[in-house]
Protein backbone atom coordinates (compact mmCIF):
# COMPACT_ATOMS: atom_id res chain seq x y z
CA MET A 1 3.00 19.96 37.41
CA GLU A 2 4.01 16.82 35.51
CA PHE A 3 2.57 16.75 31.99
CA VAL A 4 4.38 13.61 30.91
CA PRO A 5 4.02 10.33 32.83
CA PRO A 6 7.25 8.70 34.00
CA SER A 7 8.60 5.65 32.25
CA ASP A 8 11.69 3.72 33.27
CA ALA A 9 11.74 1.01 30.57
CA LYS A 10 15.18 0.33 29.12
CA PRO A 11 15.65 0.22 25.33
CA ARG A 12 16.28 -3.12 23.60
CA SER A 13 16.52 -4.21 20.00
CA GLY A 14 13.12 -4.90 18.49
CA GLN A 15 11.31 -2.29 20.59
CA PHE A 16 9.89 1.08 19.62
CA LEU A 17 10.99 4.52 20.68
CA LEU A 18 8.14 7.02 20.93
CA ALA A 19 9.17 10.67 20.99
CA GLU A 20 8.02 12.57 24.06
CA PRO A 21 5.12 14.85 23.11
CA PHE A 22 6.99 18.17 23.28
CA MET A 23 9.94 17.13 21.09
CA THR A 24 10.09 19.54 18.16
CA ASP A 25 13.03 17.94 16.35
CA VAL A 26 12.31 17.90 12.61
CA TRP A 27 13.38 14.25 12.33
CA PHE A 28 11.74 12.82 15.43
CA GLY A 29 8.93 15.09 16.69
CA ARG A 30 5.87 12.88 17.36
CA LYS A 31 7.47 9.96 15.48
CA VAL A 32 8.01 6.26 16.09
CA VAL A 33 11.43 4.62 15.70
CA LEU A 34 11.92 0.86 15.44
CA LEU A 35 15.12 0.11 17.35
CA CYS A 36 16.99 -2.51 15.31
CA ASP A 37 20.28 -2.68 17.20
CA HIS A 38 21.15 -1.56 20.71
CA ASP A 39 24.24 -2.48 22.69
CA GLU A 40 27.14 -0.89 24.55
CA ASP A 41 28.58 0.42 21.27
CA GLY A 42 25.50 2.41 20.25
CA SER A 43 22.05 2.13 18.74
CA LEU A 44 20.46 2.06 15.29
CA GLY A 45 16.86 2.31 14.18
CA PHE A 46 14.45 3.63 11.55
CA VAL A 47 11.68 6.21 11.82
CA LEU A 48 8.63 4.26 10.67
CA ASP A 49 6.17 7.09 10.12
CA ASN A 50 8.20 9.61 8.15
CA PHE A 51 7.21 9.09 4.53
CA SER A 52 8.71 10.97 1.61
CA ASP A 53 7.06 11.83 -1.70
CA ARG A 54 9.72 9.94 -3.68
CA PRO A 55 8.60 6.68 -5.25
CA LEU A 56 11.03 3.81 -4.89
CA SER A 57 11.52 3.81 -8.66
CA ALA A 58 13.05 7.31 -8.39
CA VAL A 59 15.80 5.86 -6.19
CA LEU A 60 16.19 2.38 -7.71
CA GLU A 61 15.89 1.92 -11.45
CA ASP A 62 15.06 -1.80 -11.15
CA ALA A 63 12.19 -1.09 -8.76
CA ALA A 64 9.92 -0.01 -11.62
CA ASP A 65 9.64 -3.70 -12.55
CA TRP A 66 8.93 -4.91 -9.00
CA PRO A 67 5.39 -5.49 -7.65
CA LEU A 68 5.80 -2.66 -5.15
CA ASP A 69 3.71 0.44 -4.68
CA GLN A 70 5.61 2.33 -2.03
CA LYS A 71 7.39 5.57 -1.43
CA VAL A 72 10.77 5.65 0.20
CA SER A 73 10.61 6.49 3.91
CA VAL A 74 13.06 8.75 5.69
CA GLY A 75 14.65 6.53 8.33
CA GLY A 76 16.64 9.26 10.04
CA PRO A 77 19.39 11.83 9.61
CA VAL A 78 22.40 9.48 9.47
CA HIS A 79 23.67 8.54 6.00
CA ASP A 80 20.62 10.13 4.40
CA ASP A 81 22.25 9.56 1.00
CA SER A 82 22.09 5.77 1.41
CA LEU A 83 19.27 3.25 1.01
CA PHE A 84 18.42 0.69 3.72
CA TYR A 85 15.76 -1.99 3.83
CA LEU A 86 13.80 -4.05 6.34
CA HIS A 87 12.32 -7.26 4.98
CA ARG A 88 10.87 -10.73 5.53
CA LEU A 89 13.30 -12.44 3.12
CA GLY A 90 15.89 -13.60 5.63
CA ASN A 91 15.82 -17.13 4.21
CA VAL A 92 16.44 -15.75 0.70
CA VAL A 93 18.81 -12.82 1.28
CA SER A 94 22.14 -13.88 2.78
CA GLY A 95 23.91 -11.70 5.30
CA ALA A 96 20.68 -10.14 6.58
CA MET A 97 20.68 -9.15 10.26
CA PRO A 98 17.77 -10.65 12.25
CA ILE A 99 15.76 -8.05 14.17
CA LEU A 100 12.67 -10.03 15.19
CA PRO A 101 11.25 -13.41 14.18
CA GLY A 102 10.23 -12.74 10.57
CA LEU A 103 12.06 -9.40 10.24
CA TRP A 104 15.57 -8.74 8.95
CA LEU A 105 17.71 -5.73 8.09
CA GLY A 106 19.84 -5.49 4.95
CA GLY A 107 21.77 -8.34 3.44
CA ASP A 108 23.01 -9.09 -0.06
CA PHE A 109 21.37 -6.50 -2.29
CA GLU A 110 21.83 -8.49 -5.51
CA GLU A 111 19.96 -11.40 -3.93
CA LEU A 112 17.21 -9.04 -2.82
CA LYS A 113 16.93 -7.63 -6.35
CA ALA A 114 16.75 -11.13 -7.82
CA ALA A 115 14.05 -12.14 -5.33
CA MET A 116 12.00 -9.02 -6.00
CA ALA A 117 12.27 -9.56 -9.76
CA THR A 118 10.45 -12.90 -9.41
CA GLY A 119 7.25 -11.07 -8.46
CA ARG A 120 6.68 -13.32 -5.44
CA TYR A 121 7.21 -10.51 -2.92
CA THR A 122 5.12 -7.40 -2.31
CA ASP A 123 4.98 -4.30 -0.09
CA LYS A 124 4.15 -6.65 2.79
CA ASP A 125 7.63 -8.17 2.50
CA VAL A 126 10.07 -5.25 2.17
CA ARG A 127 10.32 -1.61 3.18
CA PHE A 128 12.93 0.91 2.02
CA PHE A 129 14.41 3.83 3.93
CA VAL A 130 16.77 6.66 3.07
CA GLY A 131 19.01 7.23 6.09
CA TYR A 132 18.75 5.81 9.59
CA SER A 133 18.58 6.98 13.18
CA GLY A 134 21.76 6.42 15.15
CA TRP A 135 23.08 7.02 18.65
CA THR A 136 26.63 6.72 19.95
CA ALA A 137 27.52 4.60 22.98
CA GLY A 138 25.40 5.67 25.95
CA GLN A 139 23.61 8.44 24.03
CA LEU A 140 20.23 6.72 23.73
CA ALA A 141 20.27 5.59 27.38
CA HIS A 142 20.89 9.22 28.36
CA GLU A 143 18.04 10.46 26.13
CA VAL A 144 15.64 7.83 27.53
CA GLY A 145 16.75 8.73 31.06
CA SER A 146 16.01 12.41 30.40
CA HIS A 147 12.52 11.46 29.09
CA SER A 148 13.11 12.36 25.44
CA TRP A 149 11.80 8.91 24.46
CA TYR A 150 9.31 6.38 25.73
CA VAL A 151 10.36 2.78 25.18
CA HIS A 152 7.41 0.76 23.92
CA ASP A 153 6.97 -2.96 23.35
CA ALA A 154 4.17 -4.78 21.56
CA PRO A 155 3.23 -8.31 20.46
CA LEU A 156 5.19 -9.61 17.46
CA GLU A 157 2.30 -9.31 15.01
CA ALA A 158 1.73 -5.67 16.00
CA LYS A 159 5.43 -4.97 15.52
CA LEU A 160 5.45 -6.44 12.03
CA ASP A 161 2.26 -4.55 11.16
CA ALA A 162 3.88 -1.30 12.34
CA VAL A 163 6.73 -1.92 9.89
CA PHE A 164 4.85 -3.19 6.85
CA LYS A 165 1.39 -1.65 7.33
CA THR A 166 2.40 1.70 8.79
CA PRO A 167 -0.49 4.16 8.62
CA SER A 168 0.27 7.46 6.90
CA GLY A 169 -0.64 9.27 10.12
CA GLY A 170 -1.45 8.52 13.73
CA LEU A 171 1.06 5.74 14.55
CA TRP A 172 2.72 7.76 17.32
CA LYS A 173 -0.60 8.67 18.90
CA GLU A 174 -1.94 5.12 18.63
CA MET A 175 1.14 3.54 20.22
CA LEU A 176 1.42 6.10 22.99
CA ALA A 177 -2.29 5.79 23.83
CA SER A 178 -1.93 2.00 24.04
CA LYS A 179 0.41 2.46 27.02
CA GLY A 180 -2.52 3.56 29.20
CA PRO A 181 -4.77 6.51 30.04
CA ASP A 182 -1.99 8.79 31.36
CA PHE A 183 -0.10 8.36 28.11
CA ALA A 184 -3.26 8.74 26.02
CA ARG A 185 -3.86 12.08 27.76
CA VAL A 186 -0.52 13.52 26.65
CA THR A 187 -1.31 12.79 22.99
CA THR A 188 -3.93 15.55 23.20
CA LEU A 189 -1.43 18.18 24.39
CA PRO A 190 -0.03 20.68 21.88
CA GLN A 191 3.53 20.02 20.74
CA ASP A 192 4.40 23.53 21.93
CA PRO A 193 3.50 23.56 25.68
CA SER A 194 3.23 27.37 25.67
CA LEU A 195 0.05 26.93 23.65
CA ASN A 196 -1.58 24.93 26.43
């Protein structure tokens, strides 16, 4: 019996990866990843709904003076000793990589610090992550093909809300359910199928 509905969507930058319901991986189980870069060389993204208890000011001294009230998120297991940021300041921060209209990754950190120090930007404009999620060439395509991930798309506004207004719980369930009734049904299954 098939518990999980089939999905043959191919991953692209700017889409979401939704973990299949039985994935028990500590980093990705019932999580949502924003895929920021995907090509023949590999893939890179950030887990959106994996919040830590560390305030940004514990990681960045300057952040105590910024108008931000956020905790650092755990973006994934790769380079989990480094800080990364998604933001809306692409016209202010040079060298930022465009992900979607109105969303950029990284860029000149000194310019970001200067912009944040002005007080013009808030939690709705920048989000910080420790670590990222990465896949080598062909690895993500293989994982999607073996049904470890559902590829999910959404309107631009919903994508930006998922990044900057991420709920503290329920994002995975909400996105999976939005794919239709068969997908909504699997959100009610236990993560451990032996408990079903």
